Amino acid sequence: MIVGRILGWFFLFGALVLLGWDGVSSVSSGNWRFAPLGQRWYEIDQALGGFSLNTLQAGIERNISVSLWDNIFAPLLGWWAWAVFLVIGAILVLIFRRWRSERQPRRFSPRGRR
């Protein structure tokens, strides 16, 4: 439960970071636009010197299904990066939230302790 909430808040924080990154990029370029998830992933991947996006694509296509990559992951990489993180984070936070029931508040009385 707590891990899901923490992960959800991490994604929500990531959405704010990505939205800020888009804002700074827009101010420096002069036109307002949001970058897709695939572009941001590629930029981070190139900065770290890795090939995680290509490795993920090859792994999914070889081991799971080509249609899974073509129908789910490829369109997802075309969506705005901050929106993807916002939706995933909001879903995780809502699923793993604390469900409070309609119970009476605890009363500490000396009668119950001996």
PDB file of N, CA and C in Angstrom:
ATOM      1  N   MET A   1       0.810  -1.190   0.000  1.00  0.00           N
ATOM      2  CA  MET A   1       0.000   0.000   0.000  1.00  0.00           C
ATOM      3  C   MET A   1       0.858   1.261   0.000  1.00  0.00           C
ATOM      4  N   ILE A   2       1.784   1.348   0.928  1.00  0.00           N
ATOM      5  CA  ILE A   2       2.603   2.548   1.031  1.00  0.00           C
ATOM      6  C   ILE A   2       3.537   2.668  -0.166  1.00  0.00           C
ATOM      7  N   VAL A   3       4.001   1.557  -0.706  1.00  0.00           N
ATOM      8  CA  VAL A   3       4.888   1.585  -1.872  1.00  0.00           C
ATOM      9  C   VAL A   3       4.141   2.135  -3.086  1.00  0.00           C
ATOM     10  N   GLY A   4       2.905   1.745  -3.271  1.00  0.00           N
ATOM     11  CA  GLY A   4       2.098   2.254  -4.374  1.00  0.00           C
ATOM     12  C   GLY A   4       1.858   3.747  -4.268  1.00  0.00           C
ATOM     13  N   ARG A   5       1.588   4.221  -3.050  1.00  0.00           N
ATOM     14  CA  ARG A   5       1.392   5.661  -2.845  1.00  0.00           C
ATOM     15  C   ARG A   5       2.669   6.426  -3.108  1.00  0.00           C
ATOM     16  N   ILE A   6       3.784   5.914  -2.611  1.00  0.00           N
ATOM     17  CA  ILE A   6       5.067   6.593  -2.830  1.00  0.00           C
ATOM     18  C   ILE A   6       5.399   6.634  -4.314  1.00  0.00           C
ATOM     19  N   LEU A   7       5.182   5.535  -5.004  1.00  0.00           N
ATOM     20  CA  LEU A   7       5.426   5.494  -6.438  1.00  0.00           C
ATOM     21  C   LEU A   7       4.503   6.469  -7.173  1.00  0.00           C
ATOM     22  N   GLY A   8       3.254   6.547  -6.749  1.00  0.00           N
ATOM     23  CA  GLY A   8       2.314   7.496  -7.345  1.00  0.00           C
ATOM     24  C   GLY A   8       2.754   8.937  -7.153  1.00  0.00           C
ATOM     25  N   TRP A   9       3.189   9.277  -5.945  1.00  0.00           N
ATOM     26  CA  TRP A   9       3.665  10.635  -5.696  1.00  0.00           C
ATOM     27  C   TRP A   9       4.948  10.916  -6.472  1.00  0.00           C
ATOM     28  N   PHE A  10       5.782   9.890  -6.667  1.00  0.00           N
ATOM     29  CA  PHE A  10       6.985  10.045  -7.482  1.00  0.00           C
ATOM     30  C   PHE A  10       6.607  10.400  -8.927  1.00  0.00           C
ATOM     31  N   PHE A  11       5.599   9.721  -9.474  1.00  0.00           N
ATOM     32  CA  PHE A  11       5.143  10.016 -10.827  1.00  0.00           C
ATOM     33  C   PHE A  11       4.533  11.418 -10.906  1.00  0.00           C
ATOM     34  N   LEU A  12       3.783  11.834  -9.897  1.00  0.00           N
ATOM     35  CA  LEU A  12       3.211  13.181  -9.900  1.00  0.00           C
ATOM     36  C   LEU A  12       4.305  14.245  -9.836  1.00  0.00           C
ATOM     37  N   PHE A  13       5.337  13.993  -9.042  1.00  0.00           N
ATOM     38  CA  PHE A  13       6.470  14.909  -8.994  1.00  0.00           C
ATOM     39  C   PHE A  13       7.185  14.931 -10.344  1.00  0.00           C
ATOM     40  N   GLY A  14       7.323  13.767 -10.970  1.00  0.00           N
ATOM     41  CA  GLY A  14       7.928  13.691 -12.298  1.00  0.00           C
ATOM     42  C   GLY A  14       7.129  14.478 -13.326  1.00  0.00           C
ATOM     43  N   ALA A  15       5.799  14.467 -13.203  1.00  0.00           N
ATOM     44  CA  ALA A  15       4.954  15.241 -14.115  1.00  0.00           C
ATOM     45  C   ALA A  15       5.235  16.735 -13.967  1.00  0.00           C
ATOM     46  N   LEU A  16       5.412  17.187 -12.725  1.00  0.00           N
ATOM     47  CA  LEU A  16       5.736  18.601 -12.517  1.00  0.00           C
ATOM     48  C   LEU A  16       7.103  18.954 -13.088  1.00  0.00           C
ATOM     49  N   VAL A  17       8.068  18.063 -12.916  1.00  0.00           N
ATOM     50  CA  VAL A  17       9.406  18.296 -13.466  1.00  0.00           C
ATOM     51  C   VAL A  17       9.353  18.362 -14.988  1.00  0.00           C
ATOM     52  N   LEU A  18       8.636  17.427 -15.601  1.00  0.00           N
ATOM     53  CA  LEU A  18       8.523  17.423 -17.056  1.00  0.00           C
ATOM     54  C   LEU A  18       7.775  18.642 -17.576  1.00  0.00           C
ATOM     55  N   LEU A  19       6.750  19.086 -16.851  1.00  0.00           N
ATOM     56  CA  LEU A  19       6.027  20.289 -17.246  1.00  0.00           C
ATOM     57  C   LEU A  19       6.943  21.511 -17.144  1.00  0.00           C
ATOM     58  N   GLY A  20       7.757  21.567 -16.116  1.00  0.00           N
ATOM     59  CA  GLY A  20       8.733  22.653 -15.992  1.00  0.00           C
ATOM     60  C   GLY A  20       9.774  22.615 -17.098  1.00  0.00           C
ATOM     61  N   TRP A  21      10.209  21.405 -17.451  1.00  0.00           N
ATOM     62  CA  TRP A  21      11.175  21.240 -18.535  1.00  0.00           C
ATOM     63  C   TRP A  21      10.573  21.753 -19.848  1.00  0.00           C
ATOM     64  N   ASP A  22       9.305  21.418 -20.097  1.00  0.00           N
ATOM     65  CA  ASP A  22       8.629  21.913 -21.294  1.00  0.00           C
ATOM     66  C   ASP A  22       8.511  23.437 -21.265  1.00  0.00           C
ATOM     67  N   GLY A  23       8.245  23.997 -20.095  1.00  0.00           N
ATOM     68  CA  GLY A  23       8.149  25.445 -19.977  1.00  0.00           C
ATOM     69  C   GLY A  23       9.463  26.143 -20.276  1.00  0.00           C
ATOM     70  N   VAL A  24      10.548  25.617 -19.731  1.00  0.00           N
ATOM     71  CA  VAL A  24      11.864  26.205 -19.977  1.00  0.00           C
ATOM     72  C   VAL A  24      12.250  26.058 -21.444  1.00  0.00           C
ATOM     73  N   SER A  25      11.961  24.895 -22.036  1.00  0.00           N
ATOM     74  CA  SER A  25      12.257  24.677 -23.459  1.00  0.00           C
ATOM     75  C   SER A  25      11.446  25.621 -24.335  1.00  0.00           C
ATOM     76  N   SER A  26      10.203  25.849 -23.957  1.00  0.00           N
ATOM     77  CA  SER A  26       9.343  26.730 -24.742  1.00  0.00           C
ATOM     78  C   SER A  26       9.806  28.181 -24.672  1.00  0.00           C
ATOM     79  N   VAL A  27      10.231  28.602 -23.497  1.00  0.00           N
ATOM     80  CA  VAL A  27      10.716  29.972 -23.349  1.00  0.00           C
ATOM     81  C   VAL A  27      11.987  30.171 -24.159  1.00  0.00           C
ATOM     82  N   SER A  28      12.875  29.192 -24.142  1.00  0.00           N
ATOM     83  CA  SER A  28      14.135  29.343 -24.866  1.00  0.00           C
ATOM     84  C   SER A  28      13.950  29.245 -26.383  1.00  0.00           C
ATOM     85  N   SER A  29      12.975  28.465 -26.842  1.00  0.00           N
ATOM     86  CA  SER A  29      12.772  28.321 -28.286  1.00  0.00           C
ATOM     87  C   SER A  29      11.833  29.386 -28.852  1.00  0.00           C
ATOM     88  N   GLY A  30      10.988  29.959 -28.035  1.00  0.00           N
ATOM     89  CA  GLY A  30      10.101  31.017 -28.496  1.00  0.00           C
ATOM     90  C   GLY A  30       8.710  30.553 -28.870  1.00  0.00           C
ATOM     91  N   ASN A  31       8.474  29.254 -28.961  1.00  0.00           N
ATOM     92  CA  ASN A  31       7.112  28.768 -29.250  1.00  0.00           C
ATOM     93  C   ASN A  31       6.709  27.747 -28.200  1.00  0.00           C
ATOM     94  N   TRP A  32       5.430  27.793 -27.827  1.00  0.00           N
ATOM     95  CA  TRP A  32       4.928  26.938 -26.754  1.00  0.00           C
ATOM     96  C   TRP A  32       4.493  25.599 -27.313  1.00  0.00           C
ATOM     97  N   ARG A  33       5.106  24.527 -26.818  1.00  0.00           N
ATOM     98  CA  ARG A  33       4.696  23.179 -27.197  1.00  0.00           C
ATOM     99  C   ARG A  33       5.152  22.214 -26.108  1.00  0.00           C
ATOM    100  N   PHE A  34       4.429  21.094 -26.036  1.00  0.00           N
ATOM    101  CA  PHE A  34       4.774  20.051 -25.084  1.00  0.00           C
ATOM    102  C   PHE A  34       5.492  18.934 -25.824  1.00  0.00           C
ATOM    103  N   ALA A  35       6.544  18.426 -25.218  1.00  0.00           N
ATOM    104  CA  ALA A  35       7.329  17.361 -25.842  1.00  0.00           C
ATOM    105  C   ALA A  35       6.685  16.005 -25.560  1.00  0.00           C
ATOM    106  N   PRO A  36       6.720  15.105 -26.536  1.00  0.00           N
ATOM    107  CA  PRO A  36       6.191  13.757 -26.309  1.00  0.00           C
ATOM    108  C   PRO A  36       7.128  12.942 -25.415  1.00  0.00           C
ATOM    109  N   LEU A  37       6.564  11.897 -24.834  1.00  0.00           N
ATOM    110  CA  LEU A  37       7.318  11.037 -23.923  1.00  0.00           C
ATOM    111  C   LEU A  37       8.523  10.410 -24.612  1.00  0.00           C
ATOM    112  N   GLY A  38       8.366   9.984 -25.864  1.00  0.00           N
ATOM    113  CA  GLY A  38       9.473   9.365 -26.593  1.00  0.00           C
ATOM    114  C   GLY A  38      10.653  10.301 -26.761  1.00  0.00           C
ATOM    115  N   GLN A  39      10.391  11.575 -27.019  1.00  0.00           N
ATOM    116  CA  GLN A  39      11.468  12.541 -27.184  1.00  0.00           C
ATOM    117  C   GLN A  39      12.208  12.758 -25.869  1.00  0.00           C
ATOM    118  N   ARG A  40      11.447  12.928 -24.786  1.00  0.00           N
ATOM    119  CA  ARG A  40      12.097  13.144 -23.479  1.00  0.00           C
ATOM    120  C   ARG A  40      12.896  11.917 -23.050  1.00  0.00           C
ATOM    121  N   TRP A  41      12.332  10.732 -23.298  1.00  0.00           N
ATOM    122  CA  TRP A  41      13.040   9.501 -22.953  1.00  0.00           C
ATOM    123  C   TRP A  41      14.337   9.414 -23.750  1.00  0.00           C
ATOM    124  N   TYR A  42      14.278   9.748 -25.036  1.00  0.00           N
ATOM    125  CA  TYR A  42      15.467   9.708 -25.887  1.00  0.00           C
ATOM    126  C   TYR A  42      16.516  10.704 -25.401  1.00  0.00           C
ATOM    127  N   GLU A  43      16.090  11.917 -25.022  1.00  0.00           N
ATOM    128  CA  GLU A  43      17.035  12.923 -24.545  1.00  0.00           C
ATOM    129  C   GLU A  43      17.721  12.486 -23.253  1.00  0.00           C
ATOM    130  N   ILE A  44      16.947  11.935 -22.331  1.00  0.00           N
ATOM    131  CA  ILE A  44      17.539  11.450 -21.074  1.00  0.00           C
ATOM    132  C   ILE A  44      18.454  10.271 -21.346  1.00  0.00           C
ATOM    133  N   ASP A  45      18.035   9.383 -22.227  1.00  0.00           N
ATOM    134  CA  ASP A  45      18.827   8.200 -22.574  1.00  0.00           C
ATOM    135  C   ASP A  45      20.156   8.590 -23.213  1.00  0.00           C
ATOM    136  N   GLN A  46      20.140   9.577 -24.093  1.00  0.00           N
ATOM    137  CA  GLN A  46      21.368  10.029 -24.736  1.00  0.00           C
ATOM    138  C   GLN A  46      22.293  10.717 -23.738  1.00  0.00           C
ATOM    139  N   ALA A  47      21.724  11.454 -22.796  1.00  0.00           N
ATOM    140  CA  ALA A  47      22.547  12.126 -21.787  1.00  0.00           C
ATOM    141  C   ALA A  47      23.236  11.123 -20.871  1.00  0.00           C
ATOM    142  N   LEU A  48      22.571  10.000 -20.609  1.00  0.00           N
ATOM    143  CA  LEU A  48      23.156   8.977 -19.733  1.00  0.00           C
ATOM    144  C   LEU A  48      23.990   7.959 -20.510  1.00  0.00           C
ATOM    145  N   GLY A  49      23.952   8.016 -21.831  1.00  0.00           N
ATOM    146  CA  GLY A  49      24.759   7.123 -22.646  1.00  0.00           C
ATOM    147  C   GLY A  49      24.217   5.708 -22.729  1.00  0.00           C
ATOM    148  N   GLY A  50      22.929   5.552 -22.668  1.00  0.00           N
ATOM    149  CA  GLY A  50      22.339   4.222 -22.701  1.00  0.00           C
ATOM    150  C   GLY A  50      21.466   4.005 -23.922  1.00  0.00           C
ATOM    151  N   PHE A  51      20.942   2.807 -24.009  1.00  0.00           N
ATOM    152  CA  PHE A  51      20.054   2.439 -25.110  1.00  0.00           C
ATOM    153  C   PHE A  51      18.800   1.770 -24.560  1.00  0.00           C
ATOM    154  N   SER A  52      18.234   2.336 -23.509  1.00  0.00           N
ATOM    155  CA  SER A  52      17.120   1.669 -22.844  1.00  0.00           C
ATOM    156  C   SER A  52      15.856   1.636 -23.696  1.00  0.00           C
ATOM    157  N   LEU A  53      15.613   2.668 -24.475  1.00  0.00           N
ATOM    158  CA  LEU A  53      14.423   2.694 -25.313  1.00  0.00           C
ATOM    159  C   LEU A  53      14.497   1.628 -26.400  1.00  0.00           C
ATOM    160  N   ASN A  54      15.647   1.496 -27.033  1.00  0.00           N
ATOM    161  CA  ASN A  54      15.827   0.453 -28.055  1.00  0.00           C
ATOM    162  C   ASN A  54      15.799  -0.941 -27.442  1.00  0.00           C
ATOM    163  N   THR A  55      16.391  -1.079 -26.275  1.00  0.00           N
ATOM    164  CA  THR A  55      16.393  -2.373 -25.599  1.00  0.00           C
ATOM    165  C   THR A  55      14.983  -2.776 -25.181  1.00  0.00           C
ATOM    166  N   LEU A  56      14.197  -1.823 -24.687  1.00  0.00           N
ATOM    167  CA  LEU A  56      12.817  -2.106 -24.312  1.00  0.00           C
ATOM    168  C   LEU A  56      12.007  -2.540 -25.526  1.00  0.00           C
ATOM    169  N   GLN A  57      12.170  -1.842 -26.641  1.00  0.00           N
ATOM    170  CA  GLN A  57      11.439  -2.199 -27.849  1.00  0.00           C
ATOM    171  C   GLN A  57      11.814  -3.594 -28.329  1.00  0.00           C
ATOM    172  N   ALA A  58      13.099  -3.885 -28.375  1.00  0.00           N
ATOM    173  CA  ALA A  58      13.536  -5.210 -28.828  1.00  0.00           C
ATOM    174  C   ALA A  58      13.052  -6.298 -27.888  1.00  0.00           C
ATOM    175  N   GLY A  59      13.112  -6.056 -26.584  1.00  0.00           N
ATOM    176  CA  GLY A  59      12.671  -7.051 -25.613  1.00  0.00           C
ATOM    177  C   GLY A  59      11.191  -7.341 -25.705  1.00  0.00           C
ATOM    178  N   ILE A  60      10.386  -6.299 -25.861  1.00  0.00           N
ATOM    179  CA  ILE A  60       8.940  -6.506 -25.961  1.00  0.00           C
ATOM    180  C   ILE A  60       8.590  -7.203 -27.268  1.00  0.00           C
ATOM    181  N   GLU A  61       9.206  -6.780 -28.361  1.00  0.00           N
ATOM    182  CA  GLU A  61       8.874  -7.384 -29.651  1.00  0.00           C
ATOM    183  C   GLU A  61       9.331  -8.832 -29.749  1.00  0.00           C
ATOM    184  N   ARG A  62      10.471  -9.167 -29.175  1.00  0.00           N
ATOM    185  CA  ARG A  62      10.988 -10.541 -29.263  1.00  0.00           C
ATOM    186  C   ARG A  62      10.350 -11.482 -28.261  1.00  0.00           C
ATOM    187  N   ASN A  63      10.159 -11.016 -27.045  1.00  0.00           N
ATOM    188  CA  ASN A  63       9.735 -11.915 -25.971  1.00  0.00           C
ATOM    189  C   ASN A  63       8.240 -11.898 -25.687  1.00  0.00           C
ATOM    190  N   ILE A  64       7.567 -10.812 -25.968  1.00  0.00           N
ATOM    191  CA  ILE A  64       6.146 -10.738 -25.633  1.00  0.00           C
ATOM    192  C   ILE A  64       5.305 -10.724 -26.901  1.00  0.00           C
ATOM    193  N   SER A  65       5.278  -9.585 -27.596  1.00  0.00           N
ATOM    194  CA  SER A  65       4.441  -9.496 -28.790  1.00  0.00           C
ATOM    195  C   SER A  65       4.782  -8.227 -29.562  1.00  0.00           C
ATOM    196  N   VAL A  66       4.838  -8.338 -30.867  1.00  0.00           N
ATOM    197  CA  VAL A  66       5.072  -7.171 -31.715  1.00  0.00           C
ATOM    198  C   VAL A  66       3.864  -6.241 -31.653  1.00  0.00           C
ATOM    199  N   SER A  67       2.671  -6.815 -31.612  1.00  0.00           N
ATOM    200  CA  SER A  67       1.474  -5.979 -31.583  1.00  0.00           C
ATOM    201  C   SER A  67       1.350  -5.208 -30.269  1.00  0.00           C
ATOM    202  N   LEU A  68       1.909  -5.718 -29.176  1.00  0.00           N
ATOM    203  CA  LEU A  68       1.901  -4.982 -27.915  1.00  0.00           C
ATOM    204  C   LEU A  68       2.706  -3.700 -28.065  1.00  0.00           C
ATOM    205  N   TRP A  69       3.859  -3.791 -28.709  1.00  0.00           N
ATOM    206  CA  TRP A  69       4.662  -2.591 -28.922  1.00  0.00           C
ATOM    207  C   TRP A  69       3.945  -1.632 -29.875  1.00  0.00           C
ATOM    208  N   ASP A  70       3.425  -2.170 -30.981  1.00  0.00           N
ATOM    209  CA  ASP A  70       2.808  -1.320 -31.994  1.00  0.00           C
ATOM    210  C   ASP A  70       1.508  -0.675 -31.536  1.00  0.00           C
ATOM    211  N   ASN A  71       0.724  -1.373 -30.741  1.00  0.00           N
ATOM    212  CA  ASN A  71      -0.603  -0.873 -30.369  1.00  0.00           C
ATOM    213  C   ASN A  71      -0.663  -0.153 -29.033  1.00  0.00           C
ATOM    214  N   ILE A  72       0.300  -0.404 -28.143  1.00  0.00           N
ATOM    215  CA  ILE A  72       0.232   0.221 -26.815  1.00  0.00           C
ATOM    216  C   ILE A  72       1.423   1.137 -26.554  1.00  0.00           C
ATOM    217  N   PHE A  73       2.634   0.608 -26.667  1.00  0.00           N
ATOM    218  CA  PHE A  73       3.802   1.396 -26.293  1.00  0.00           C
ATOM    219  C   PHE A  73       4.136   2.498 -27.293  1.00  0.00           C
ATOM    220  N   ALA A  74       4.051   2.231 -28.581  1.00  0.00           N
ATOM    221  CA  ALA A  74       4.377   3.259 -29.577  1.00  0.00           C
ATOM    222  C   ALA A  74       3.429   4.456 -29.496  1.00  0.00           C
ATOM    223  N   PRO A  75       2.107   4.261 -29.402  1.00  0.00           N
ATOM    224  CA  PRO A  75       1.241   5.449 -29.225  1.00  0.00           C
ATOM    225  C   PRO A  75       1.486   6.169 -27.897  1.00  0.00           C
ATOM    226  N   LEU A  76       1.808   5.422 -26.839  1.00  0.00           N
ATOM    227  CA  LEU A  76       2.078   6.026 -25.541  1.00  0.00           C
ATOM    228  C   LEU A  76       3.297   6.946 -25.613  1.00  0.00           C
ATOM    229  N   LEU A  77       4.287   6.584 -26.407  1.00  0.00           N
ATOM    230  CA  LEU A  77       5.482   7.413 -26.556  1.00  0.00           C
ATOM    231  C   LEU A  77       5.200   8.694 -27.332  1.00  0.00           C
ATOM    232  N   GLY A  78       4.080   8.772 -28.005  1.00  0.00           N
ATOM    233  CA  GLY A  78       3.699   9.975 -28.732  1.00  0.00           C
ATOM    234  C   GLY A  78       2.892  10.963 -27.909  1.00  0.00           C
ATOM    235  N   TRP A  79       2.460  10.582 -26.726  1.00  0.00           N
ATOM    236  CA  TRP A  79       1.677  11.467 -25.866  1.00  0.00           C
ATOM    237  C   TRP A  79       2.609  12.410 -25.115  1.00  0.00           C
ATOM    238  N   TRP A  80       2.030  13.490 -24.596  1.00  0.00           N
ATOM    239  CA  TRP A  80       2.826  14.429 -23.822  1.00  0.00           C
ATOM    240  C   TRP A  80       3.413  13.728 -22.601  1.00  0.00           C
ATOM    241  N   ALA A  81       4.676  13.972 -22.344  1.00  0.00           N
ATOM    242  CA  ALA A  81       5.376  13.284 -21.262  1.00  0.00           C
ATOM    243  C   ALA A  81       4.764  13.611 -19.904  1.00  0.00           C
ATOM    244  N   TRP A  82       4.490  14.885 -19.659  1.00  0.00           N
ATOM    245  CA  TRP A  82       3.956  15.262 -18.354  1.00  0.00           C
ATOM    246  C   TRP A  82       2.564  14.678 -18.140  1.00  0.00           C
ATOM    247  N   ALA A  83       1.773  14.561 -19.215  1.00  0.00           N
ATOM    248  CA  ALA A  83       0.419  14.021 -19.081  1.00  0.00           C
ATOM    249  C   ALA A  83       0.443  12.531 -18.757  1.00  0.00           C
ATOM    250  N   VAL A  84       1.382  11.804 -19.363  1.00  0.00           N
ATOM    251  CA  VAL A  84       1.510  10.365 -19.077  1.00  0.00           C
ATOM    252  C   VAL A  84       1.871  10.159 -17.610  1.00  0.00           C
ATOM    253  N   PHE A  85       2.833  10.919 -17.119  1.00  0.00           N
ATOM    254  CA  PHE A  85       3.243  10.788 -15.721  1.00  0.00           C
ATOM    255  C   PHE A  85       2.125  11.224 -14.778  1.00  0.00           C
ATOM    256  N   LEU A  86       1.382  12.259 -15.159  1.00  0.00           N
ATOM    257  CA  LEU A  86       0.276  12.729 -14.329  1.00  0.00           C
ATOM    258  C   LEU A  86      -0.815  11.677 -14.204  1.00  0.00           C
ATOM    259  N   VAL A  87      -1.188  11.062 -15.308  1.00  0.00           N
ATOM    260  CA  VAL A  87      -2.249  10.050 -15.282  1.00  0.00           C
ATOM    261  C   VAL A  87      -1.813   8.824 -14.482  1.00  0.00           C
ATOM    262  N   ILE A  88      -0.600   8.340 -14.733  1.00  0.00           N
ATOM    263  CA  ILE A  88      -0.103   7.164 -13.999  1.00  0.00           C
ATOM    264  C   ILE A  88      -0.013   7.472 -12.505  1.00  0.00           C
ATOM    265  N   GLY A  89       0.517   8.637 -12.154  1.00  0.00           N
ATOM    266  CA  GLY A  89       0.638   9.009 -10.748  1.00  0.00           C
ATOM    267  C   GLY A  89      -0.708   9.156 -10.065  1.00  0.00           C
ATOM    268  N   ALA A  90      -1.661   9.786 -10.737  1.00  0.00           N
ATOM    269  CA  ALA A  90      -2.990   9.963 -10.145  1.00  0.00           C
ATOM    270  C   ALA A  90      -3.686   8.623  -9.940  1.00  0.00           C
ATOM    271  N   ILE A  91      -3.550   7.727 -10.895  1.00  0.00           N
ATOM    272  CA  ILE A  91      -4.162   6.404 -10.756  1.00  0.00           C
ATOM    273  C   ILE A  91      -3.547   5.651  -9.580  1.00  0.00           C
ATOM    274  N   LEU A  92      -2.219   5.678  -9.458  1.00  0.00           N
ATOM    275  CA  LEU A  92      -1.561   4.976  -8.352  1.00  0.00           C
ATOM    276  C   LEU A  92      -1.942   5.562  -6.999  1.00  0.00           C
ATOM    277  N   VAL A  93      -1.979   6.881  -6.911  1.00  0.00           N
ATOM    278  CA  VAL A  93      -2.338   7.512  -5.634  1.00  0.00           C
ATOM    279  C   VAL A  93      -3.780   7.178  -5.256  1.00  0.00           C
ATOM    280  N   LEU A  94      -4.683   7.188  -6.235  1.00  0.00           N
ATOM    281  CA  LEU A  94      -6.077   6.883  -5.926  1.00  0.00           C
ATOM    282  C   LEU A  94      -6.300   5.410  -5.588  1.00  0.00           C
ATOM    283  N   ILE A  95      -5.616   4.525  -6.280  1.00  0.00           N
ATOM    284  CA  ILE A  95      -5.787   3.093  -6.006  1.00  0.00           C
ATOM    285  C   ILE A  95      -5.250   2.730  -4.626  1.00  0.00           C
ATOM    286  N   PHE A  96      -4.095   3.277  -4.277  1.00  0.00           N
ATOM    287  CA  PHE A  96      -3.444   2.892  -3.028  1.00  0.00           C
ATOM    288  C   PHE A  96      -3.667   3.884  -1.896  1.00  0.00           C
ATOM    289  N   ARG A  97      -4.724   4.689  -1.981  1.00  0.00           N
ATOM    290  CA  ARG A  97      -4.982   5.618  -0.892  1.00  0.00           C
ATOM    291  C   ARG A  97      -5.527   4.885   0.323  1.00  0.00           C
ATOM    292  N   ARG A  98      -5.475   5.579   1.426  1.00  0.00           N
ATOM    293  CA  ARG A  98      -6.030   5.007   2.655  1.00  0.00           C
ATOM    294  C   ARG A  98      -7.537   5.139   2.609  1.00  0.00           C
ATOM    295  N   TRP A  99      -8.201   4.046   2.810  1.00  0.00           N
ATOM    296  CA  TRP A  99      -9.665   4.039   2.834  1.00  0.00           C
ATOM    297  C   TRP A  99     -10.106   4.163   4.277  1.00  0.00           C
ATOM    298  N   ARG A 100     -10.701   5.267   4.613  1.00  0.00           N
ATOM    299  CA  ARG A 100     -11.149   5.487   5.988  1.00  0.00           C
ATOM    300  C   ARG A 100     -12.597   5.062   6.110  1.00  0.00           C
ATOM    301  N   SER A 101     -12.843   4.274   7.097  1.00  0.00           N
ATOM    302  CA  SER A 101     -14.212   3.807   7.311  1.00  0.00           C
ATOM    303  C   SER A 101     -14.919   4.722   8.310  1.00  0.00           C
ATOM    304  N   GLU A 102     -16.193   4.564   8.383  1.00  0.00           N
ATOM    305  CA  GLU A 102     -17.016   5.351   9.303  1.00  0.00           C
ATOM    306  C   GLU A 102     -16.987   4.697  10.677  1.00  0.00           C
ATOM    307  N   ARG A 103     -15.898   4.827  11.363  1.00  0.00           N
ATOM    308  CA  ARG A 103     -15.808   4.229  12.685  1.00  0.00           C
ATOM    309  C   ARG A 103     -15.648   5.323  13.728  1.00  0.00           C
ATOM    310  N   GLN A 104     -15.926   4.956  14.934  1.00  0.00           N
ATOM    311  CA  GLN A 104     -15.840   5.903  16.027  1.00  0.00           C
ATOM    312  C   GLN A 104     -14.373   6.202  16.337  1.00  0.00           C
ATOM    313  N   PRO A 105     -14.079   7.443  16.702  1.00  0.00           N
ATOM    314  CA  PRO A 105     -12.698   7.753  17.083  1.00  0.00           C
ATOM    315  C   PRO A 105     -12.323   7.020  18.370  1.00  0.00           C
ATOM    316  N   ARG A 106     -11.078   6.706  18.493  1.00  0.00           N
ATOM    317  CA  ARG A 106     -10.606   5.998  19.689  1.00  0.00           C
ATOM    318  C   ARG A 106     -10.644   6.932  20.891  1.00  0.00           C
ATOM    319  N   ARG A 107     -11.130   6.395  21.953  1.00  0.00           N
ATOM    320  CA  ARG A 107     -11.154   7.140  23.209  1.00  0.00           C
ATOM    321  C   ARG A 107     -10.294   6.398  24.200  1.00  0.00           C
ATOM    322  N   PHE A 108      -9.387   7.129  24.734  1.00  0.00           N
ATOM    323  CA  PHE A 108      -8.487   6.519  25.704  1.00  0.00           C
ATOM    324  C   PHE A 108      -9.066   6.711  27.101  1.00  0.00           C
ATOM    325  N   SER A 109      -9.516   5.635  27.668  1.00  0.00           N
ATOM    326  CA  SER A 109     -10.085   5.709  29.004  1.00  0.00           C
ATOM    327  C   SER A 109      -9.347   4.717  29.905  1.00  0.00           C
ATOM    328  N   PRO A 110      -9.272   5.007  31.161  1.00  0.00           N
ATOM    329  CA  PRO A 110      -8.588   4.097  32.076  1.00  0.00           C
ATOM    330  C   PRO A 110      -9.369   2.814  32.310  1.00  0.00           C
ATOM    331  N   ARG A 111     -10.642   2.773  31.924  1.00  0.00           N
ATOM    332  CA  ARG A 111     -11.436   1.567  32.137  1.00  0.00           C
ATOM    333  C   ARG A 111     -10.935   0.381  31.331  1.00  0.00           C
ATOM    334  N   GLY A 112     -10.442   0.634  30.127  1.00  0.00           N
ATOM    335  CA  GLY A 112     -10.040  -0.458  29.257  1.00  0.00           C
ATOM    336  C   GLY A 112      -8.676  -1.034  29.602  1.00  0.00           C
ATOM    337  N   ARG A 113      -7.893  -0.336  30.392  1.00  0.00           N
ATOM    338  CA  ARG A 113      -6.539  -0.819  30.707  1.00  0.00           C
ATOM    339  C   ARG A 113      -6.459  -1.264  32.139  1.00  0.00           C
ATOM    340  N   ARG A 114      -5.777  -2.368  32.354  1.00  0.00           N
ATOM    341  CA  ARG A 114      -5.573  -2.869  33.722  1.00  0.00           C
ATOM    342  C   ARG A 114      -4.210  -3.422  33.850  1.00  0.00           C
TER     343      ARG A 114
END
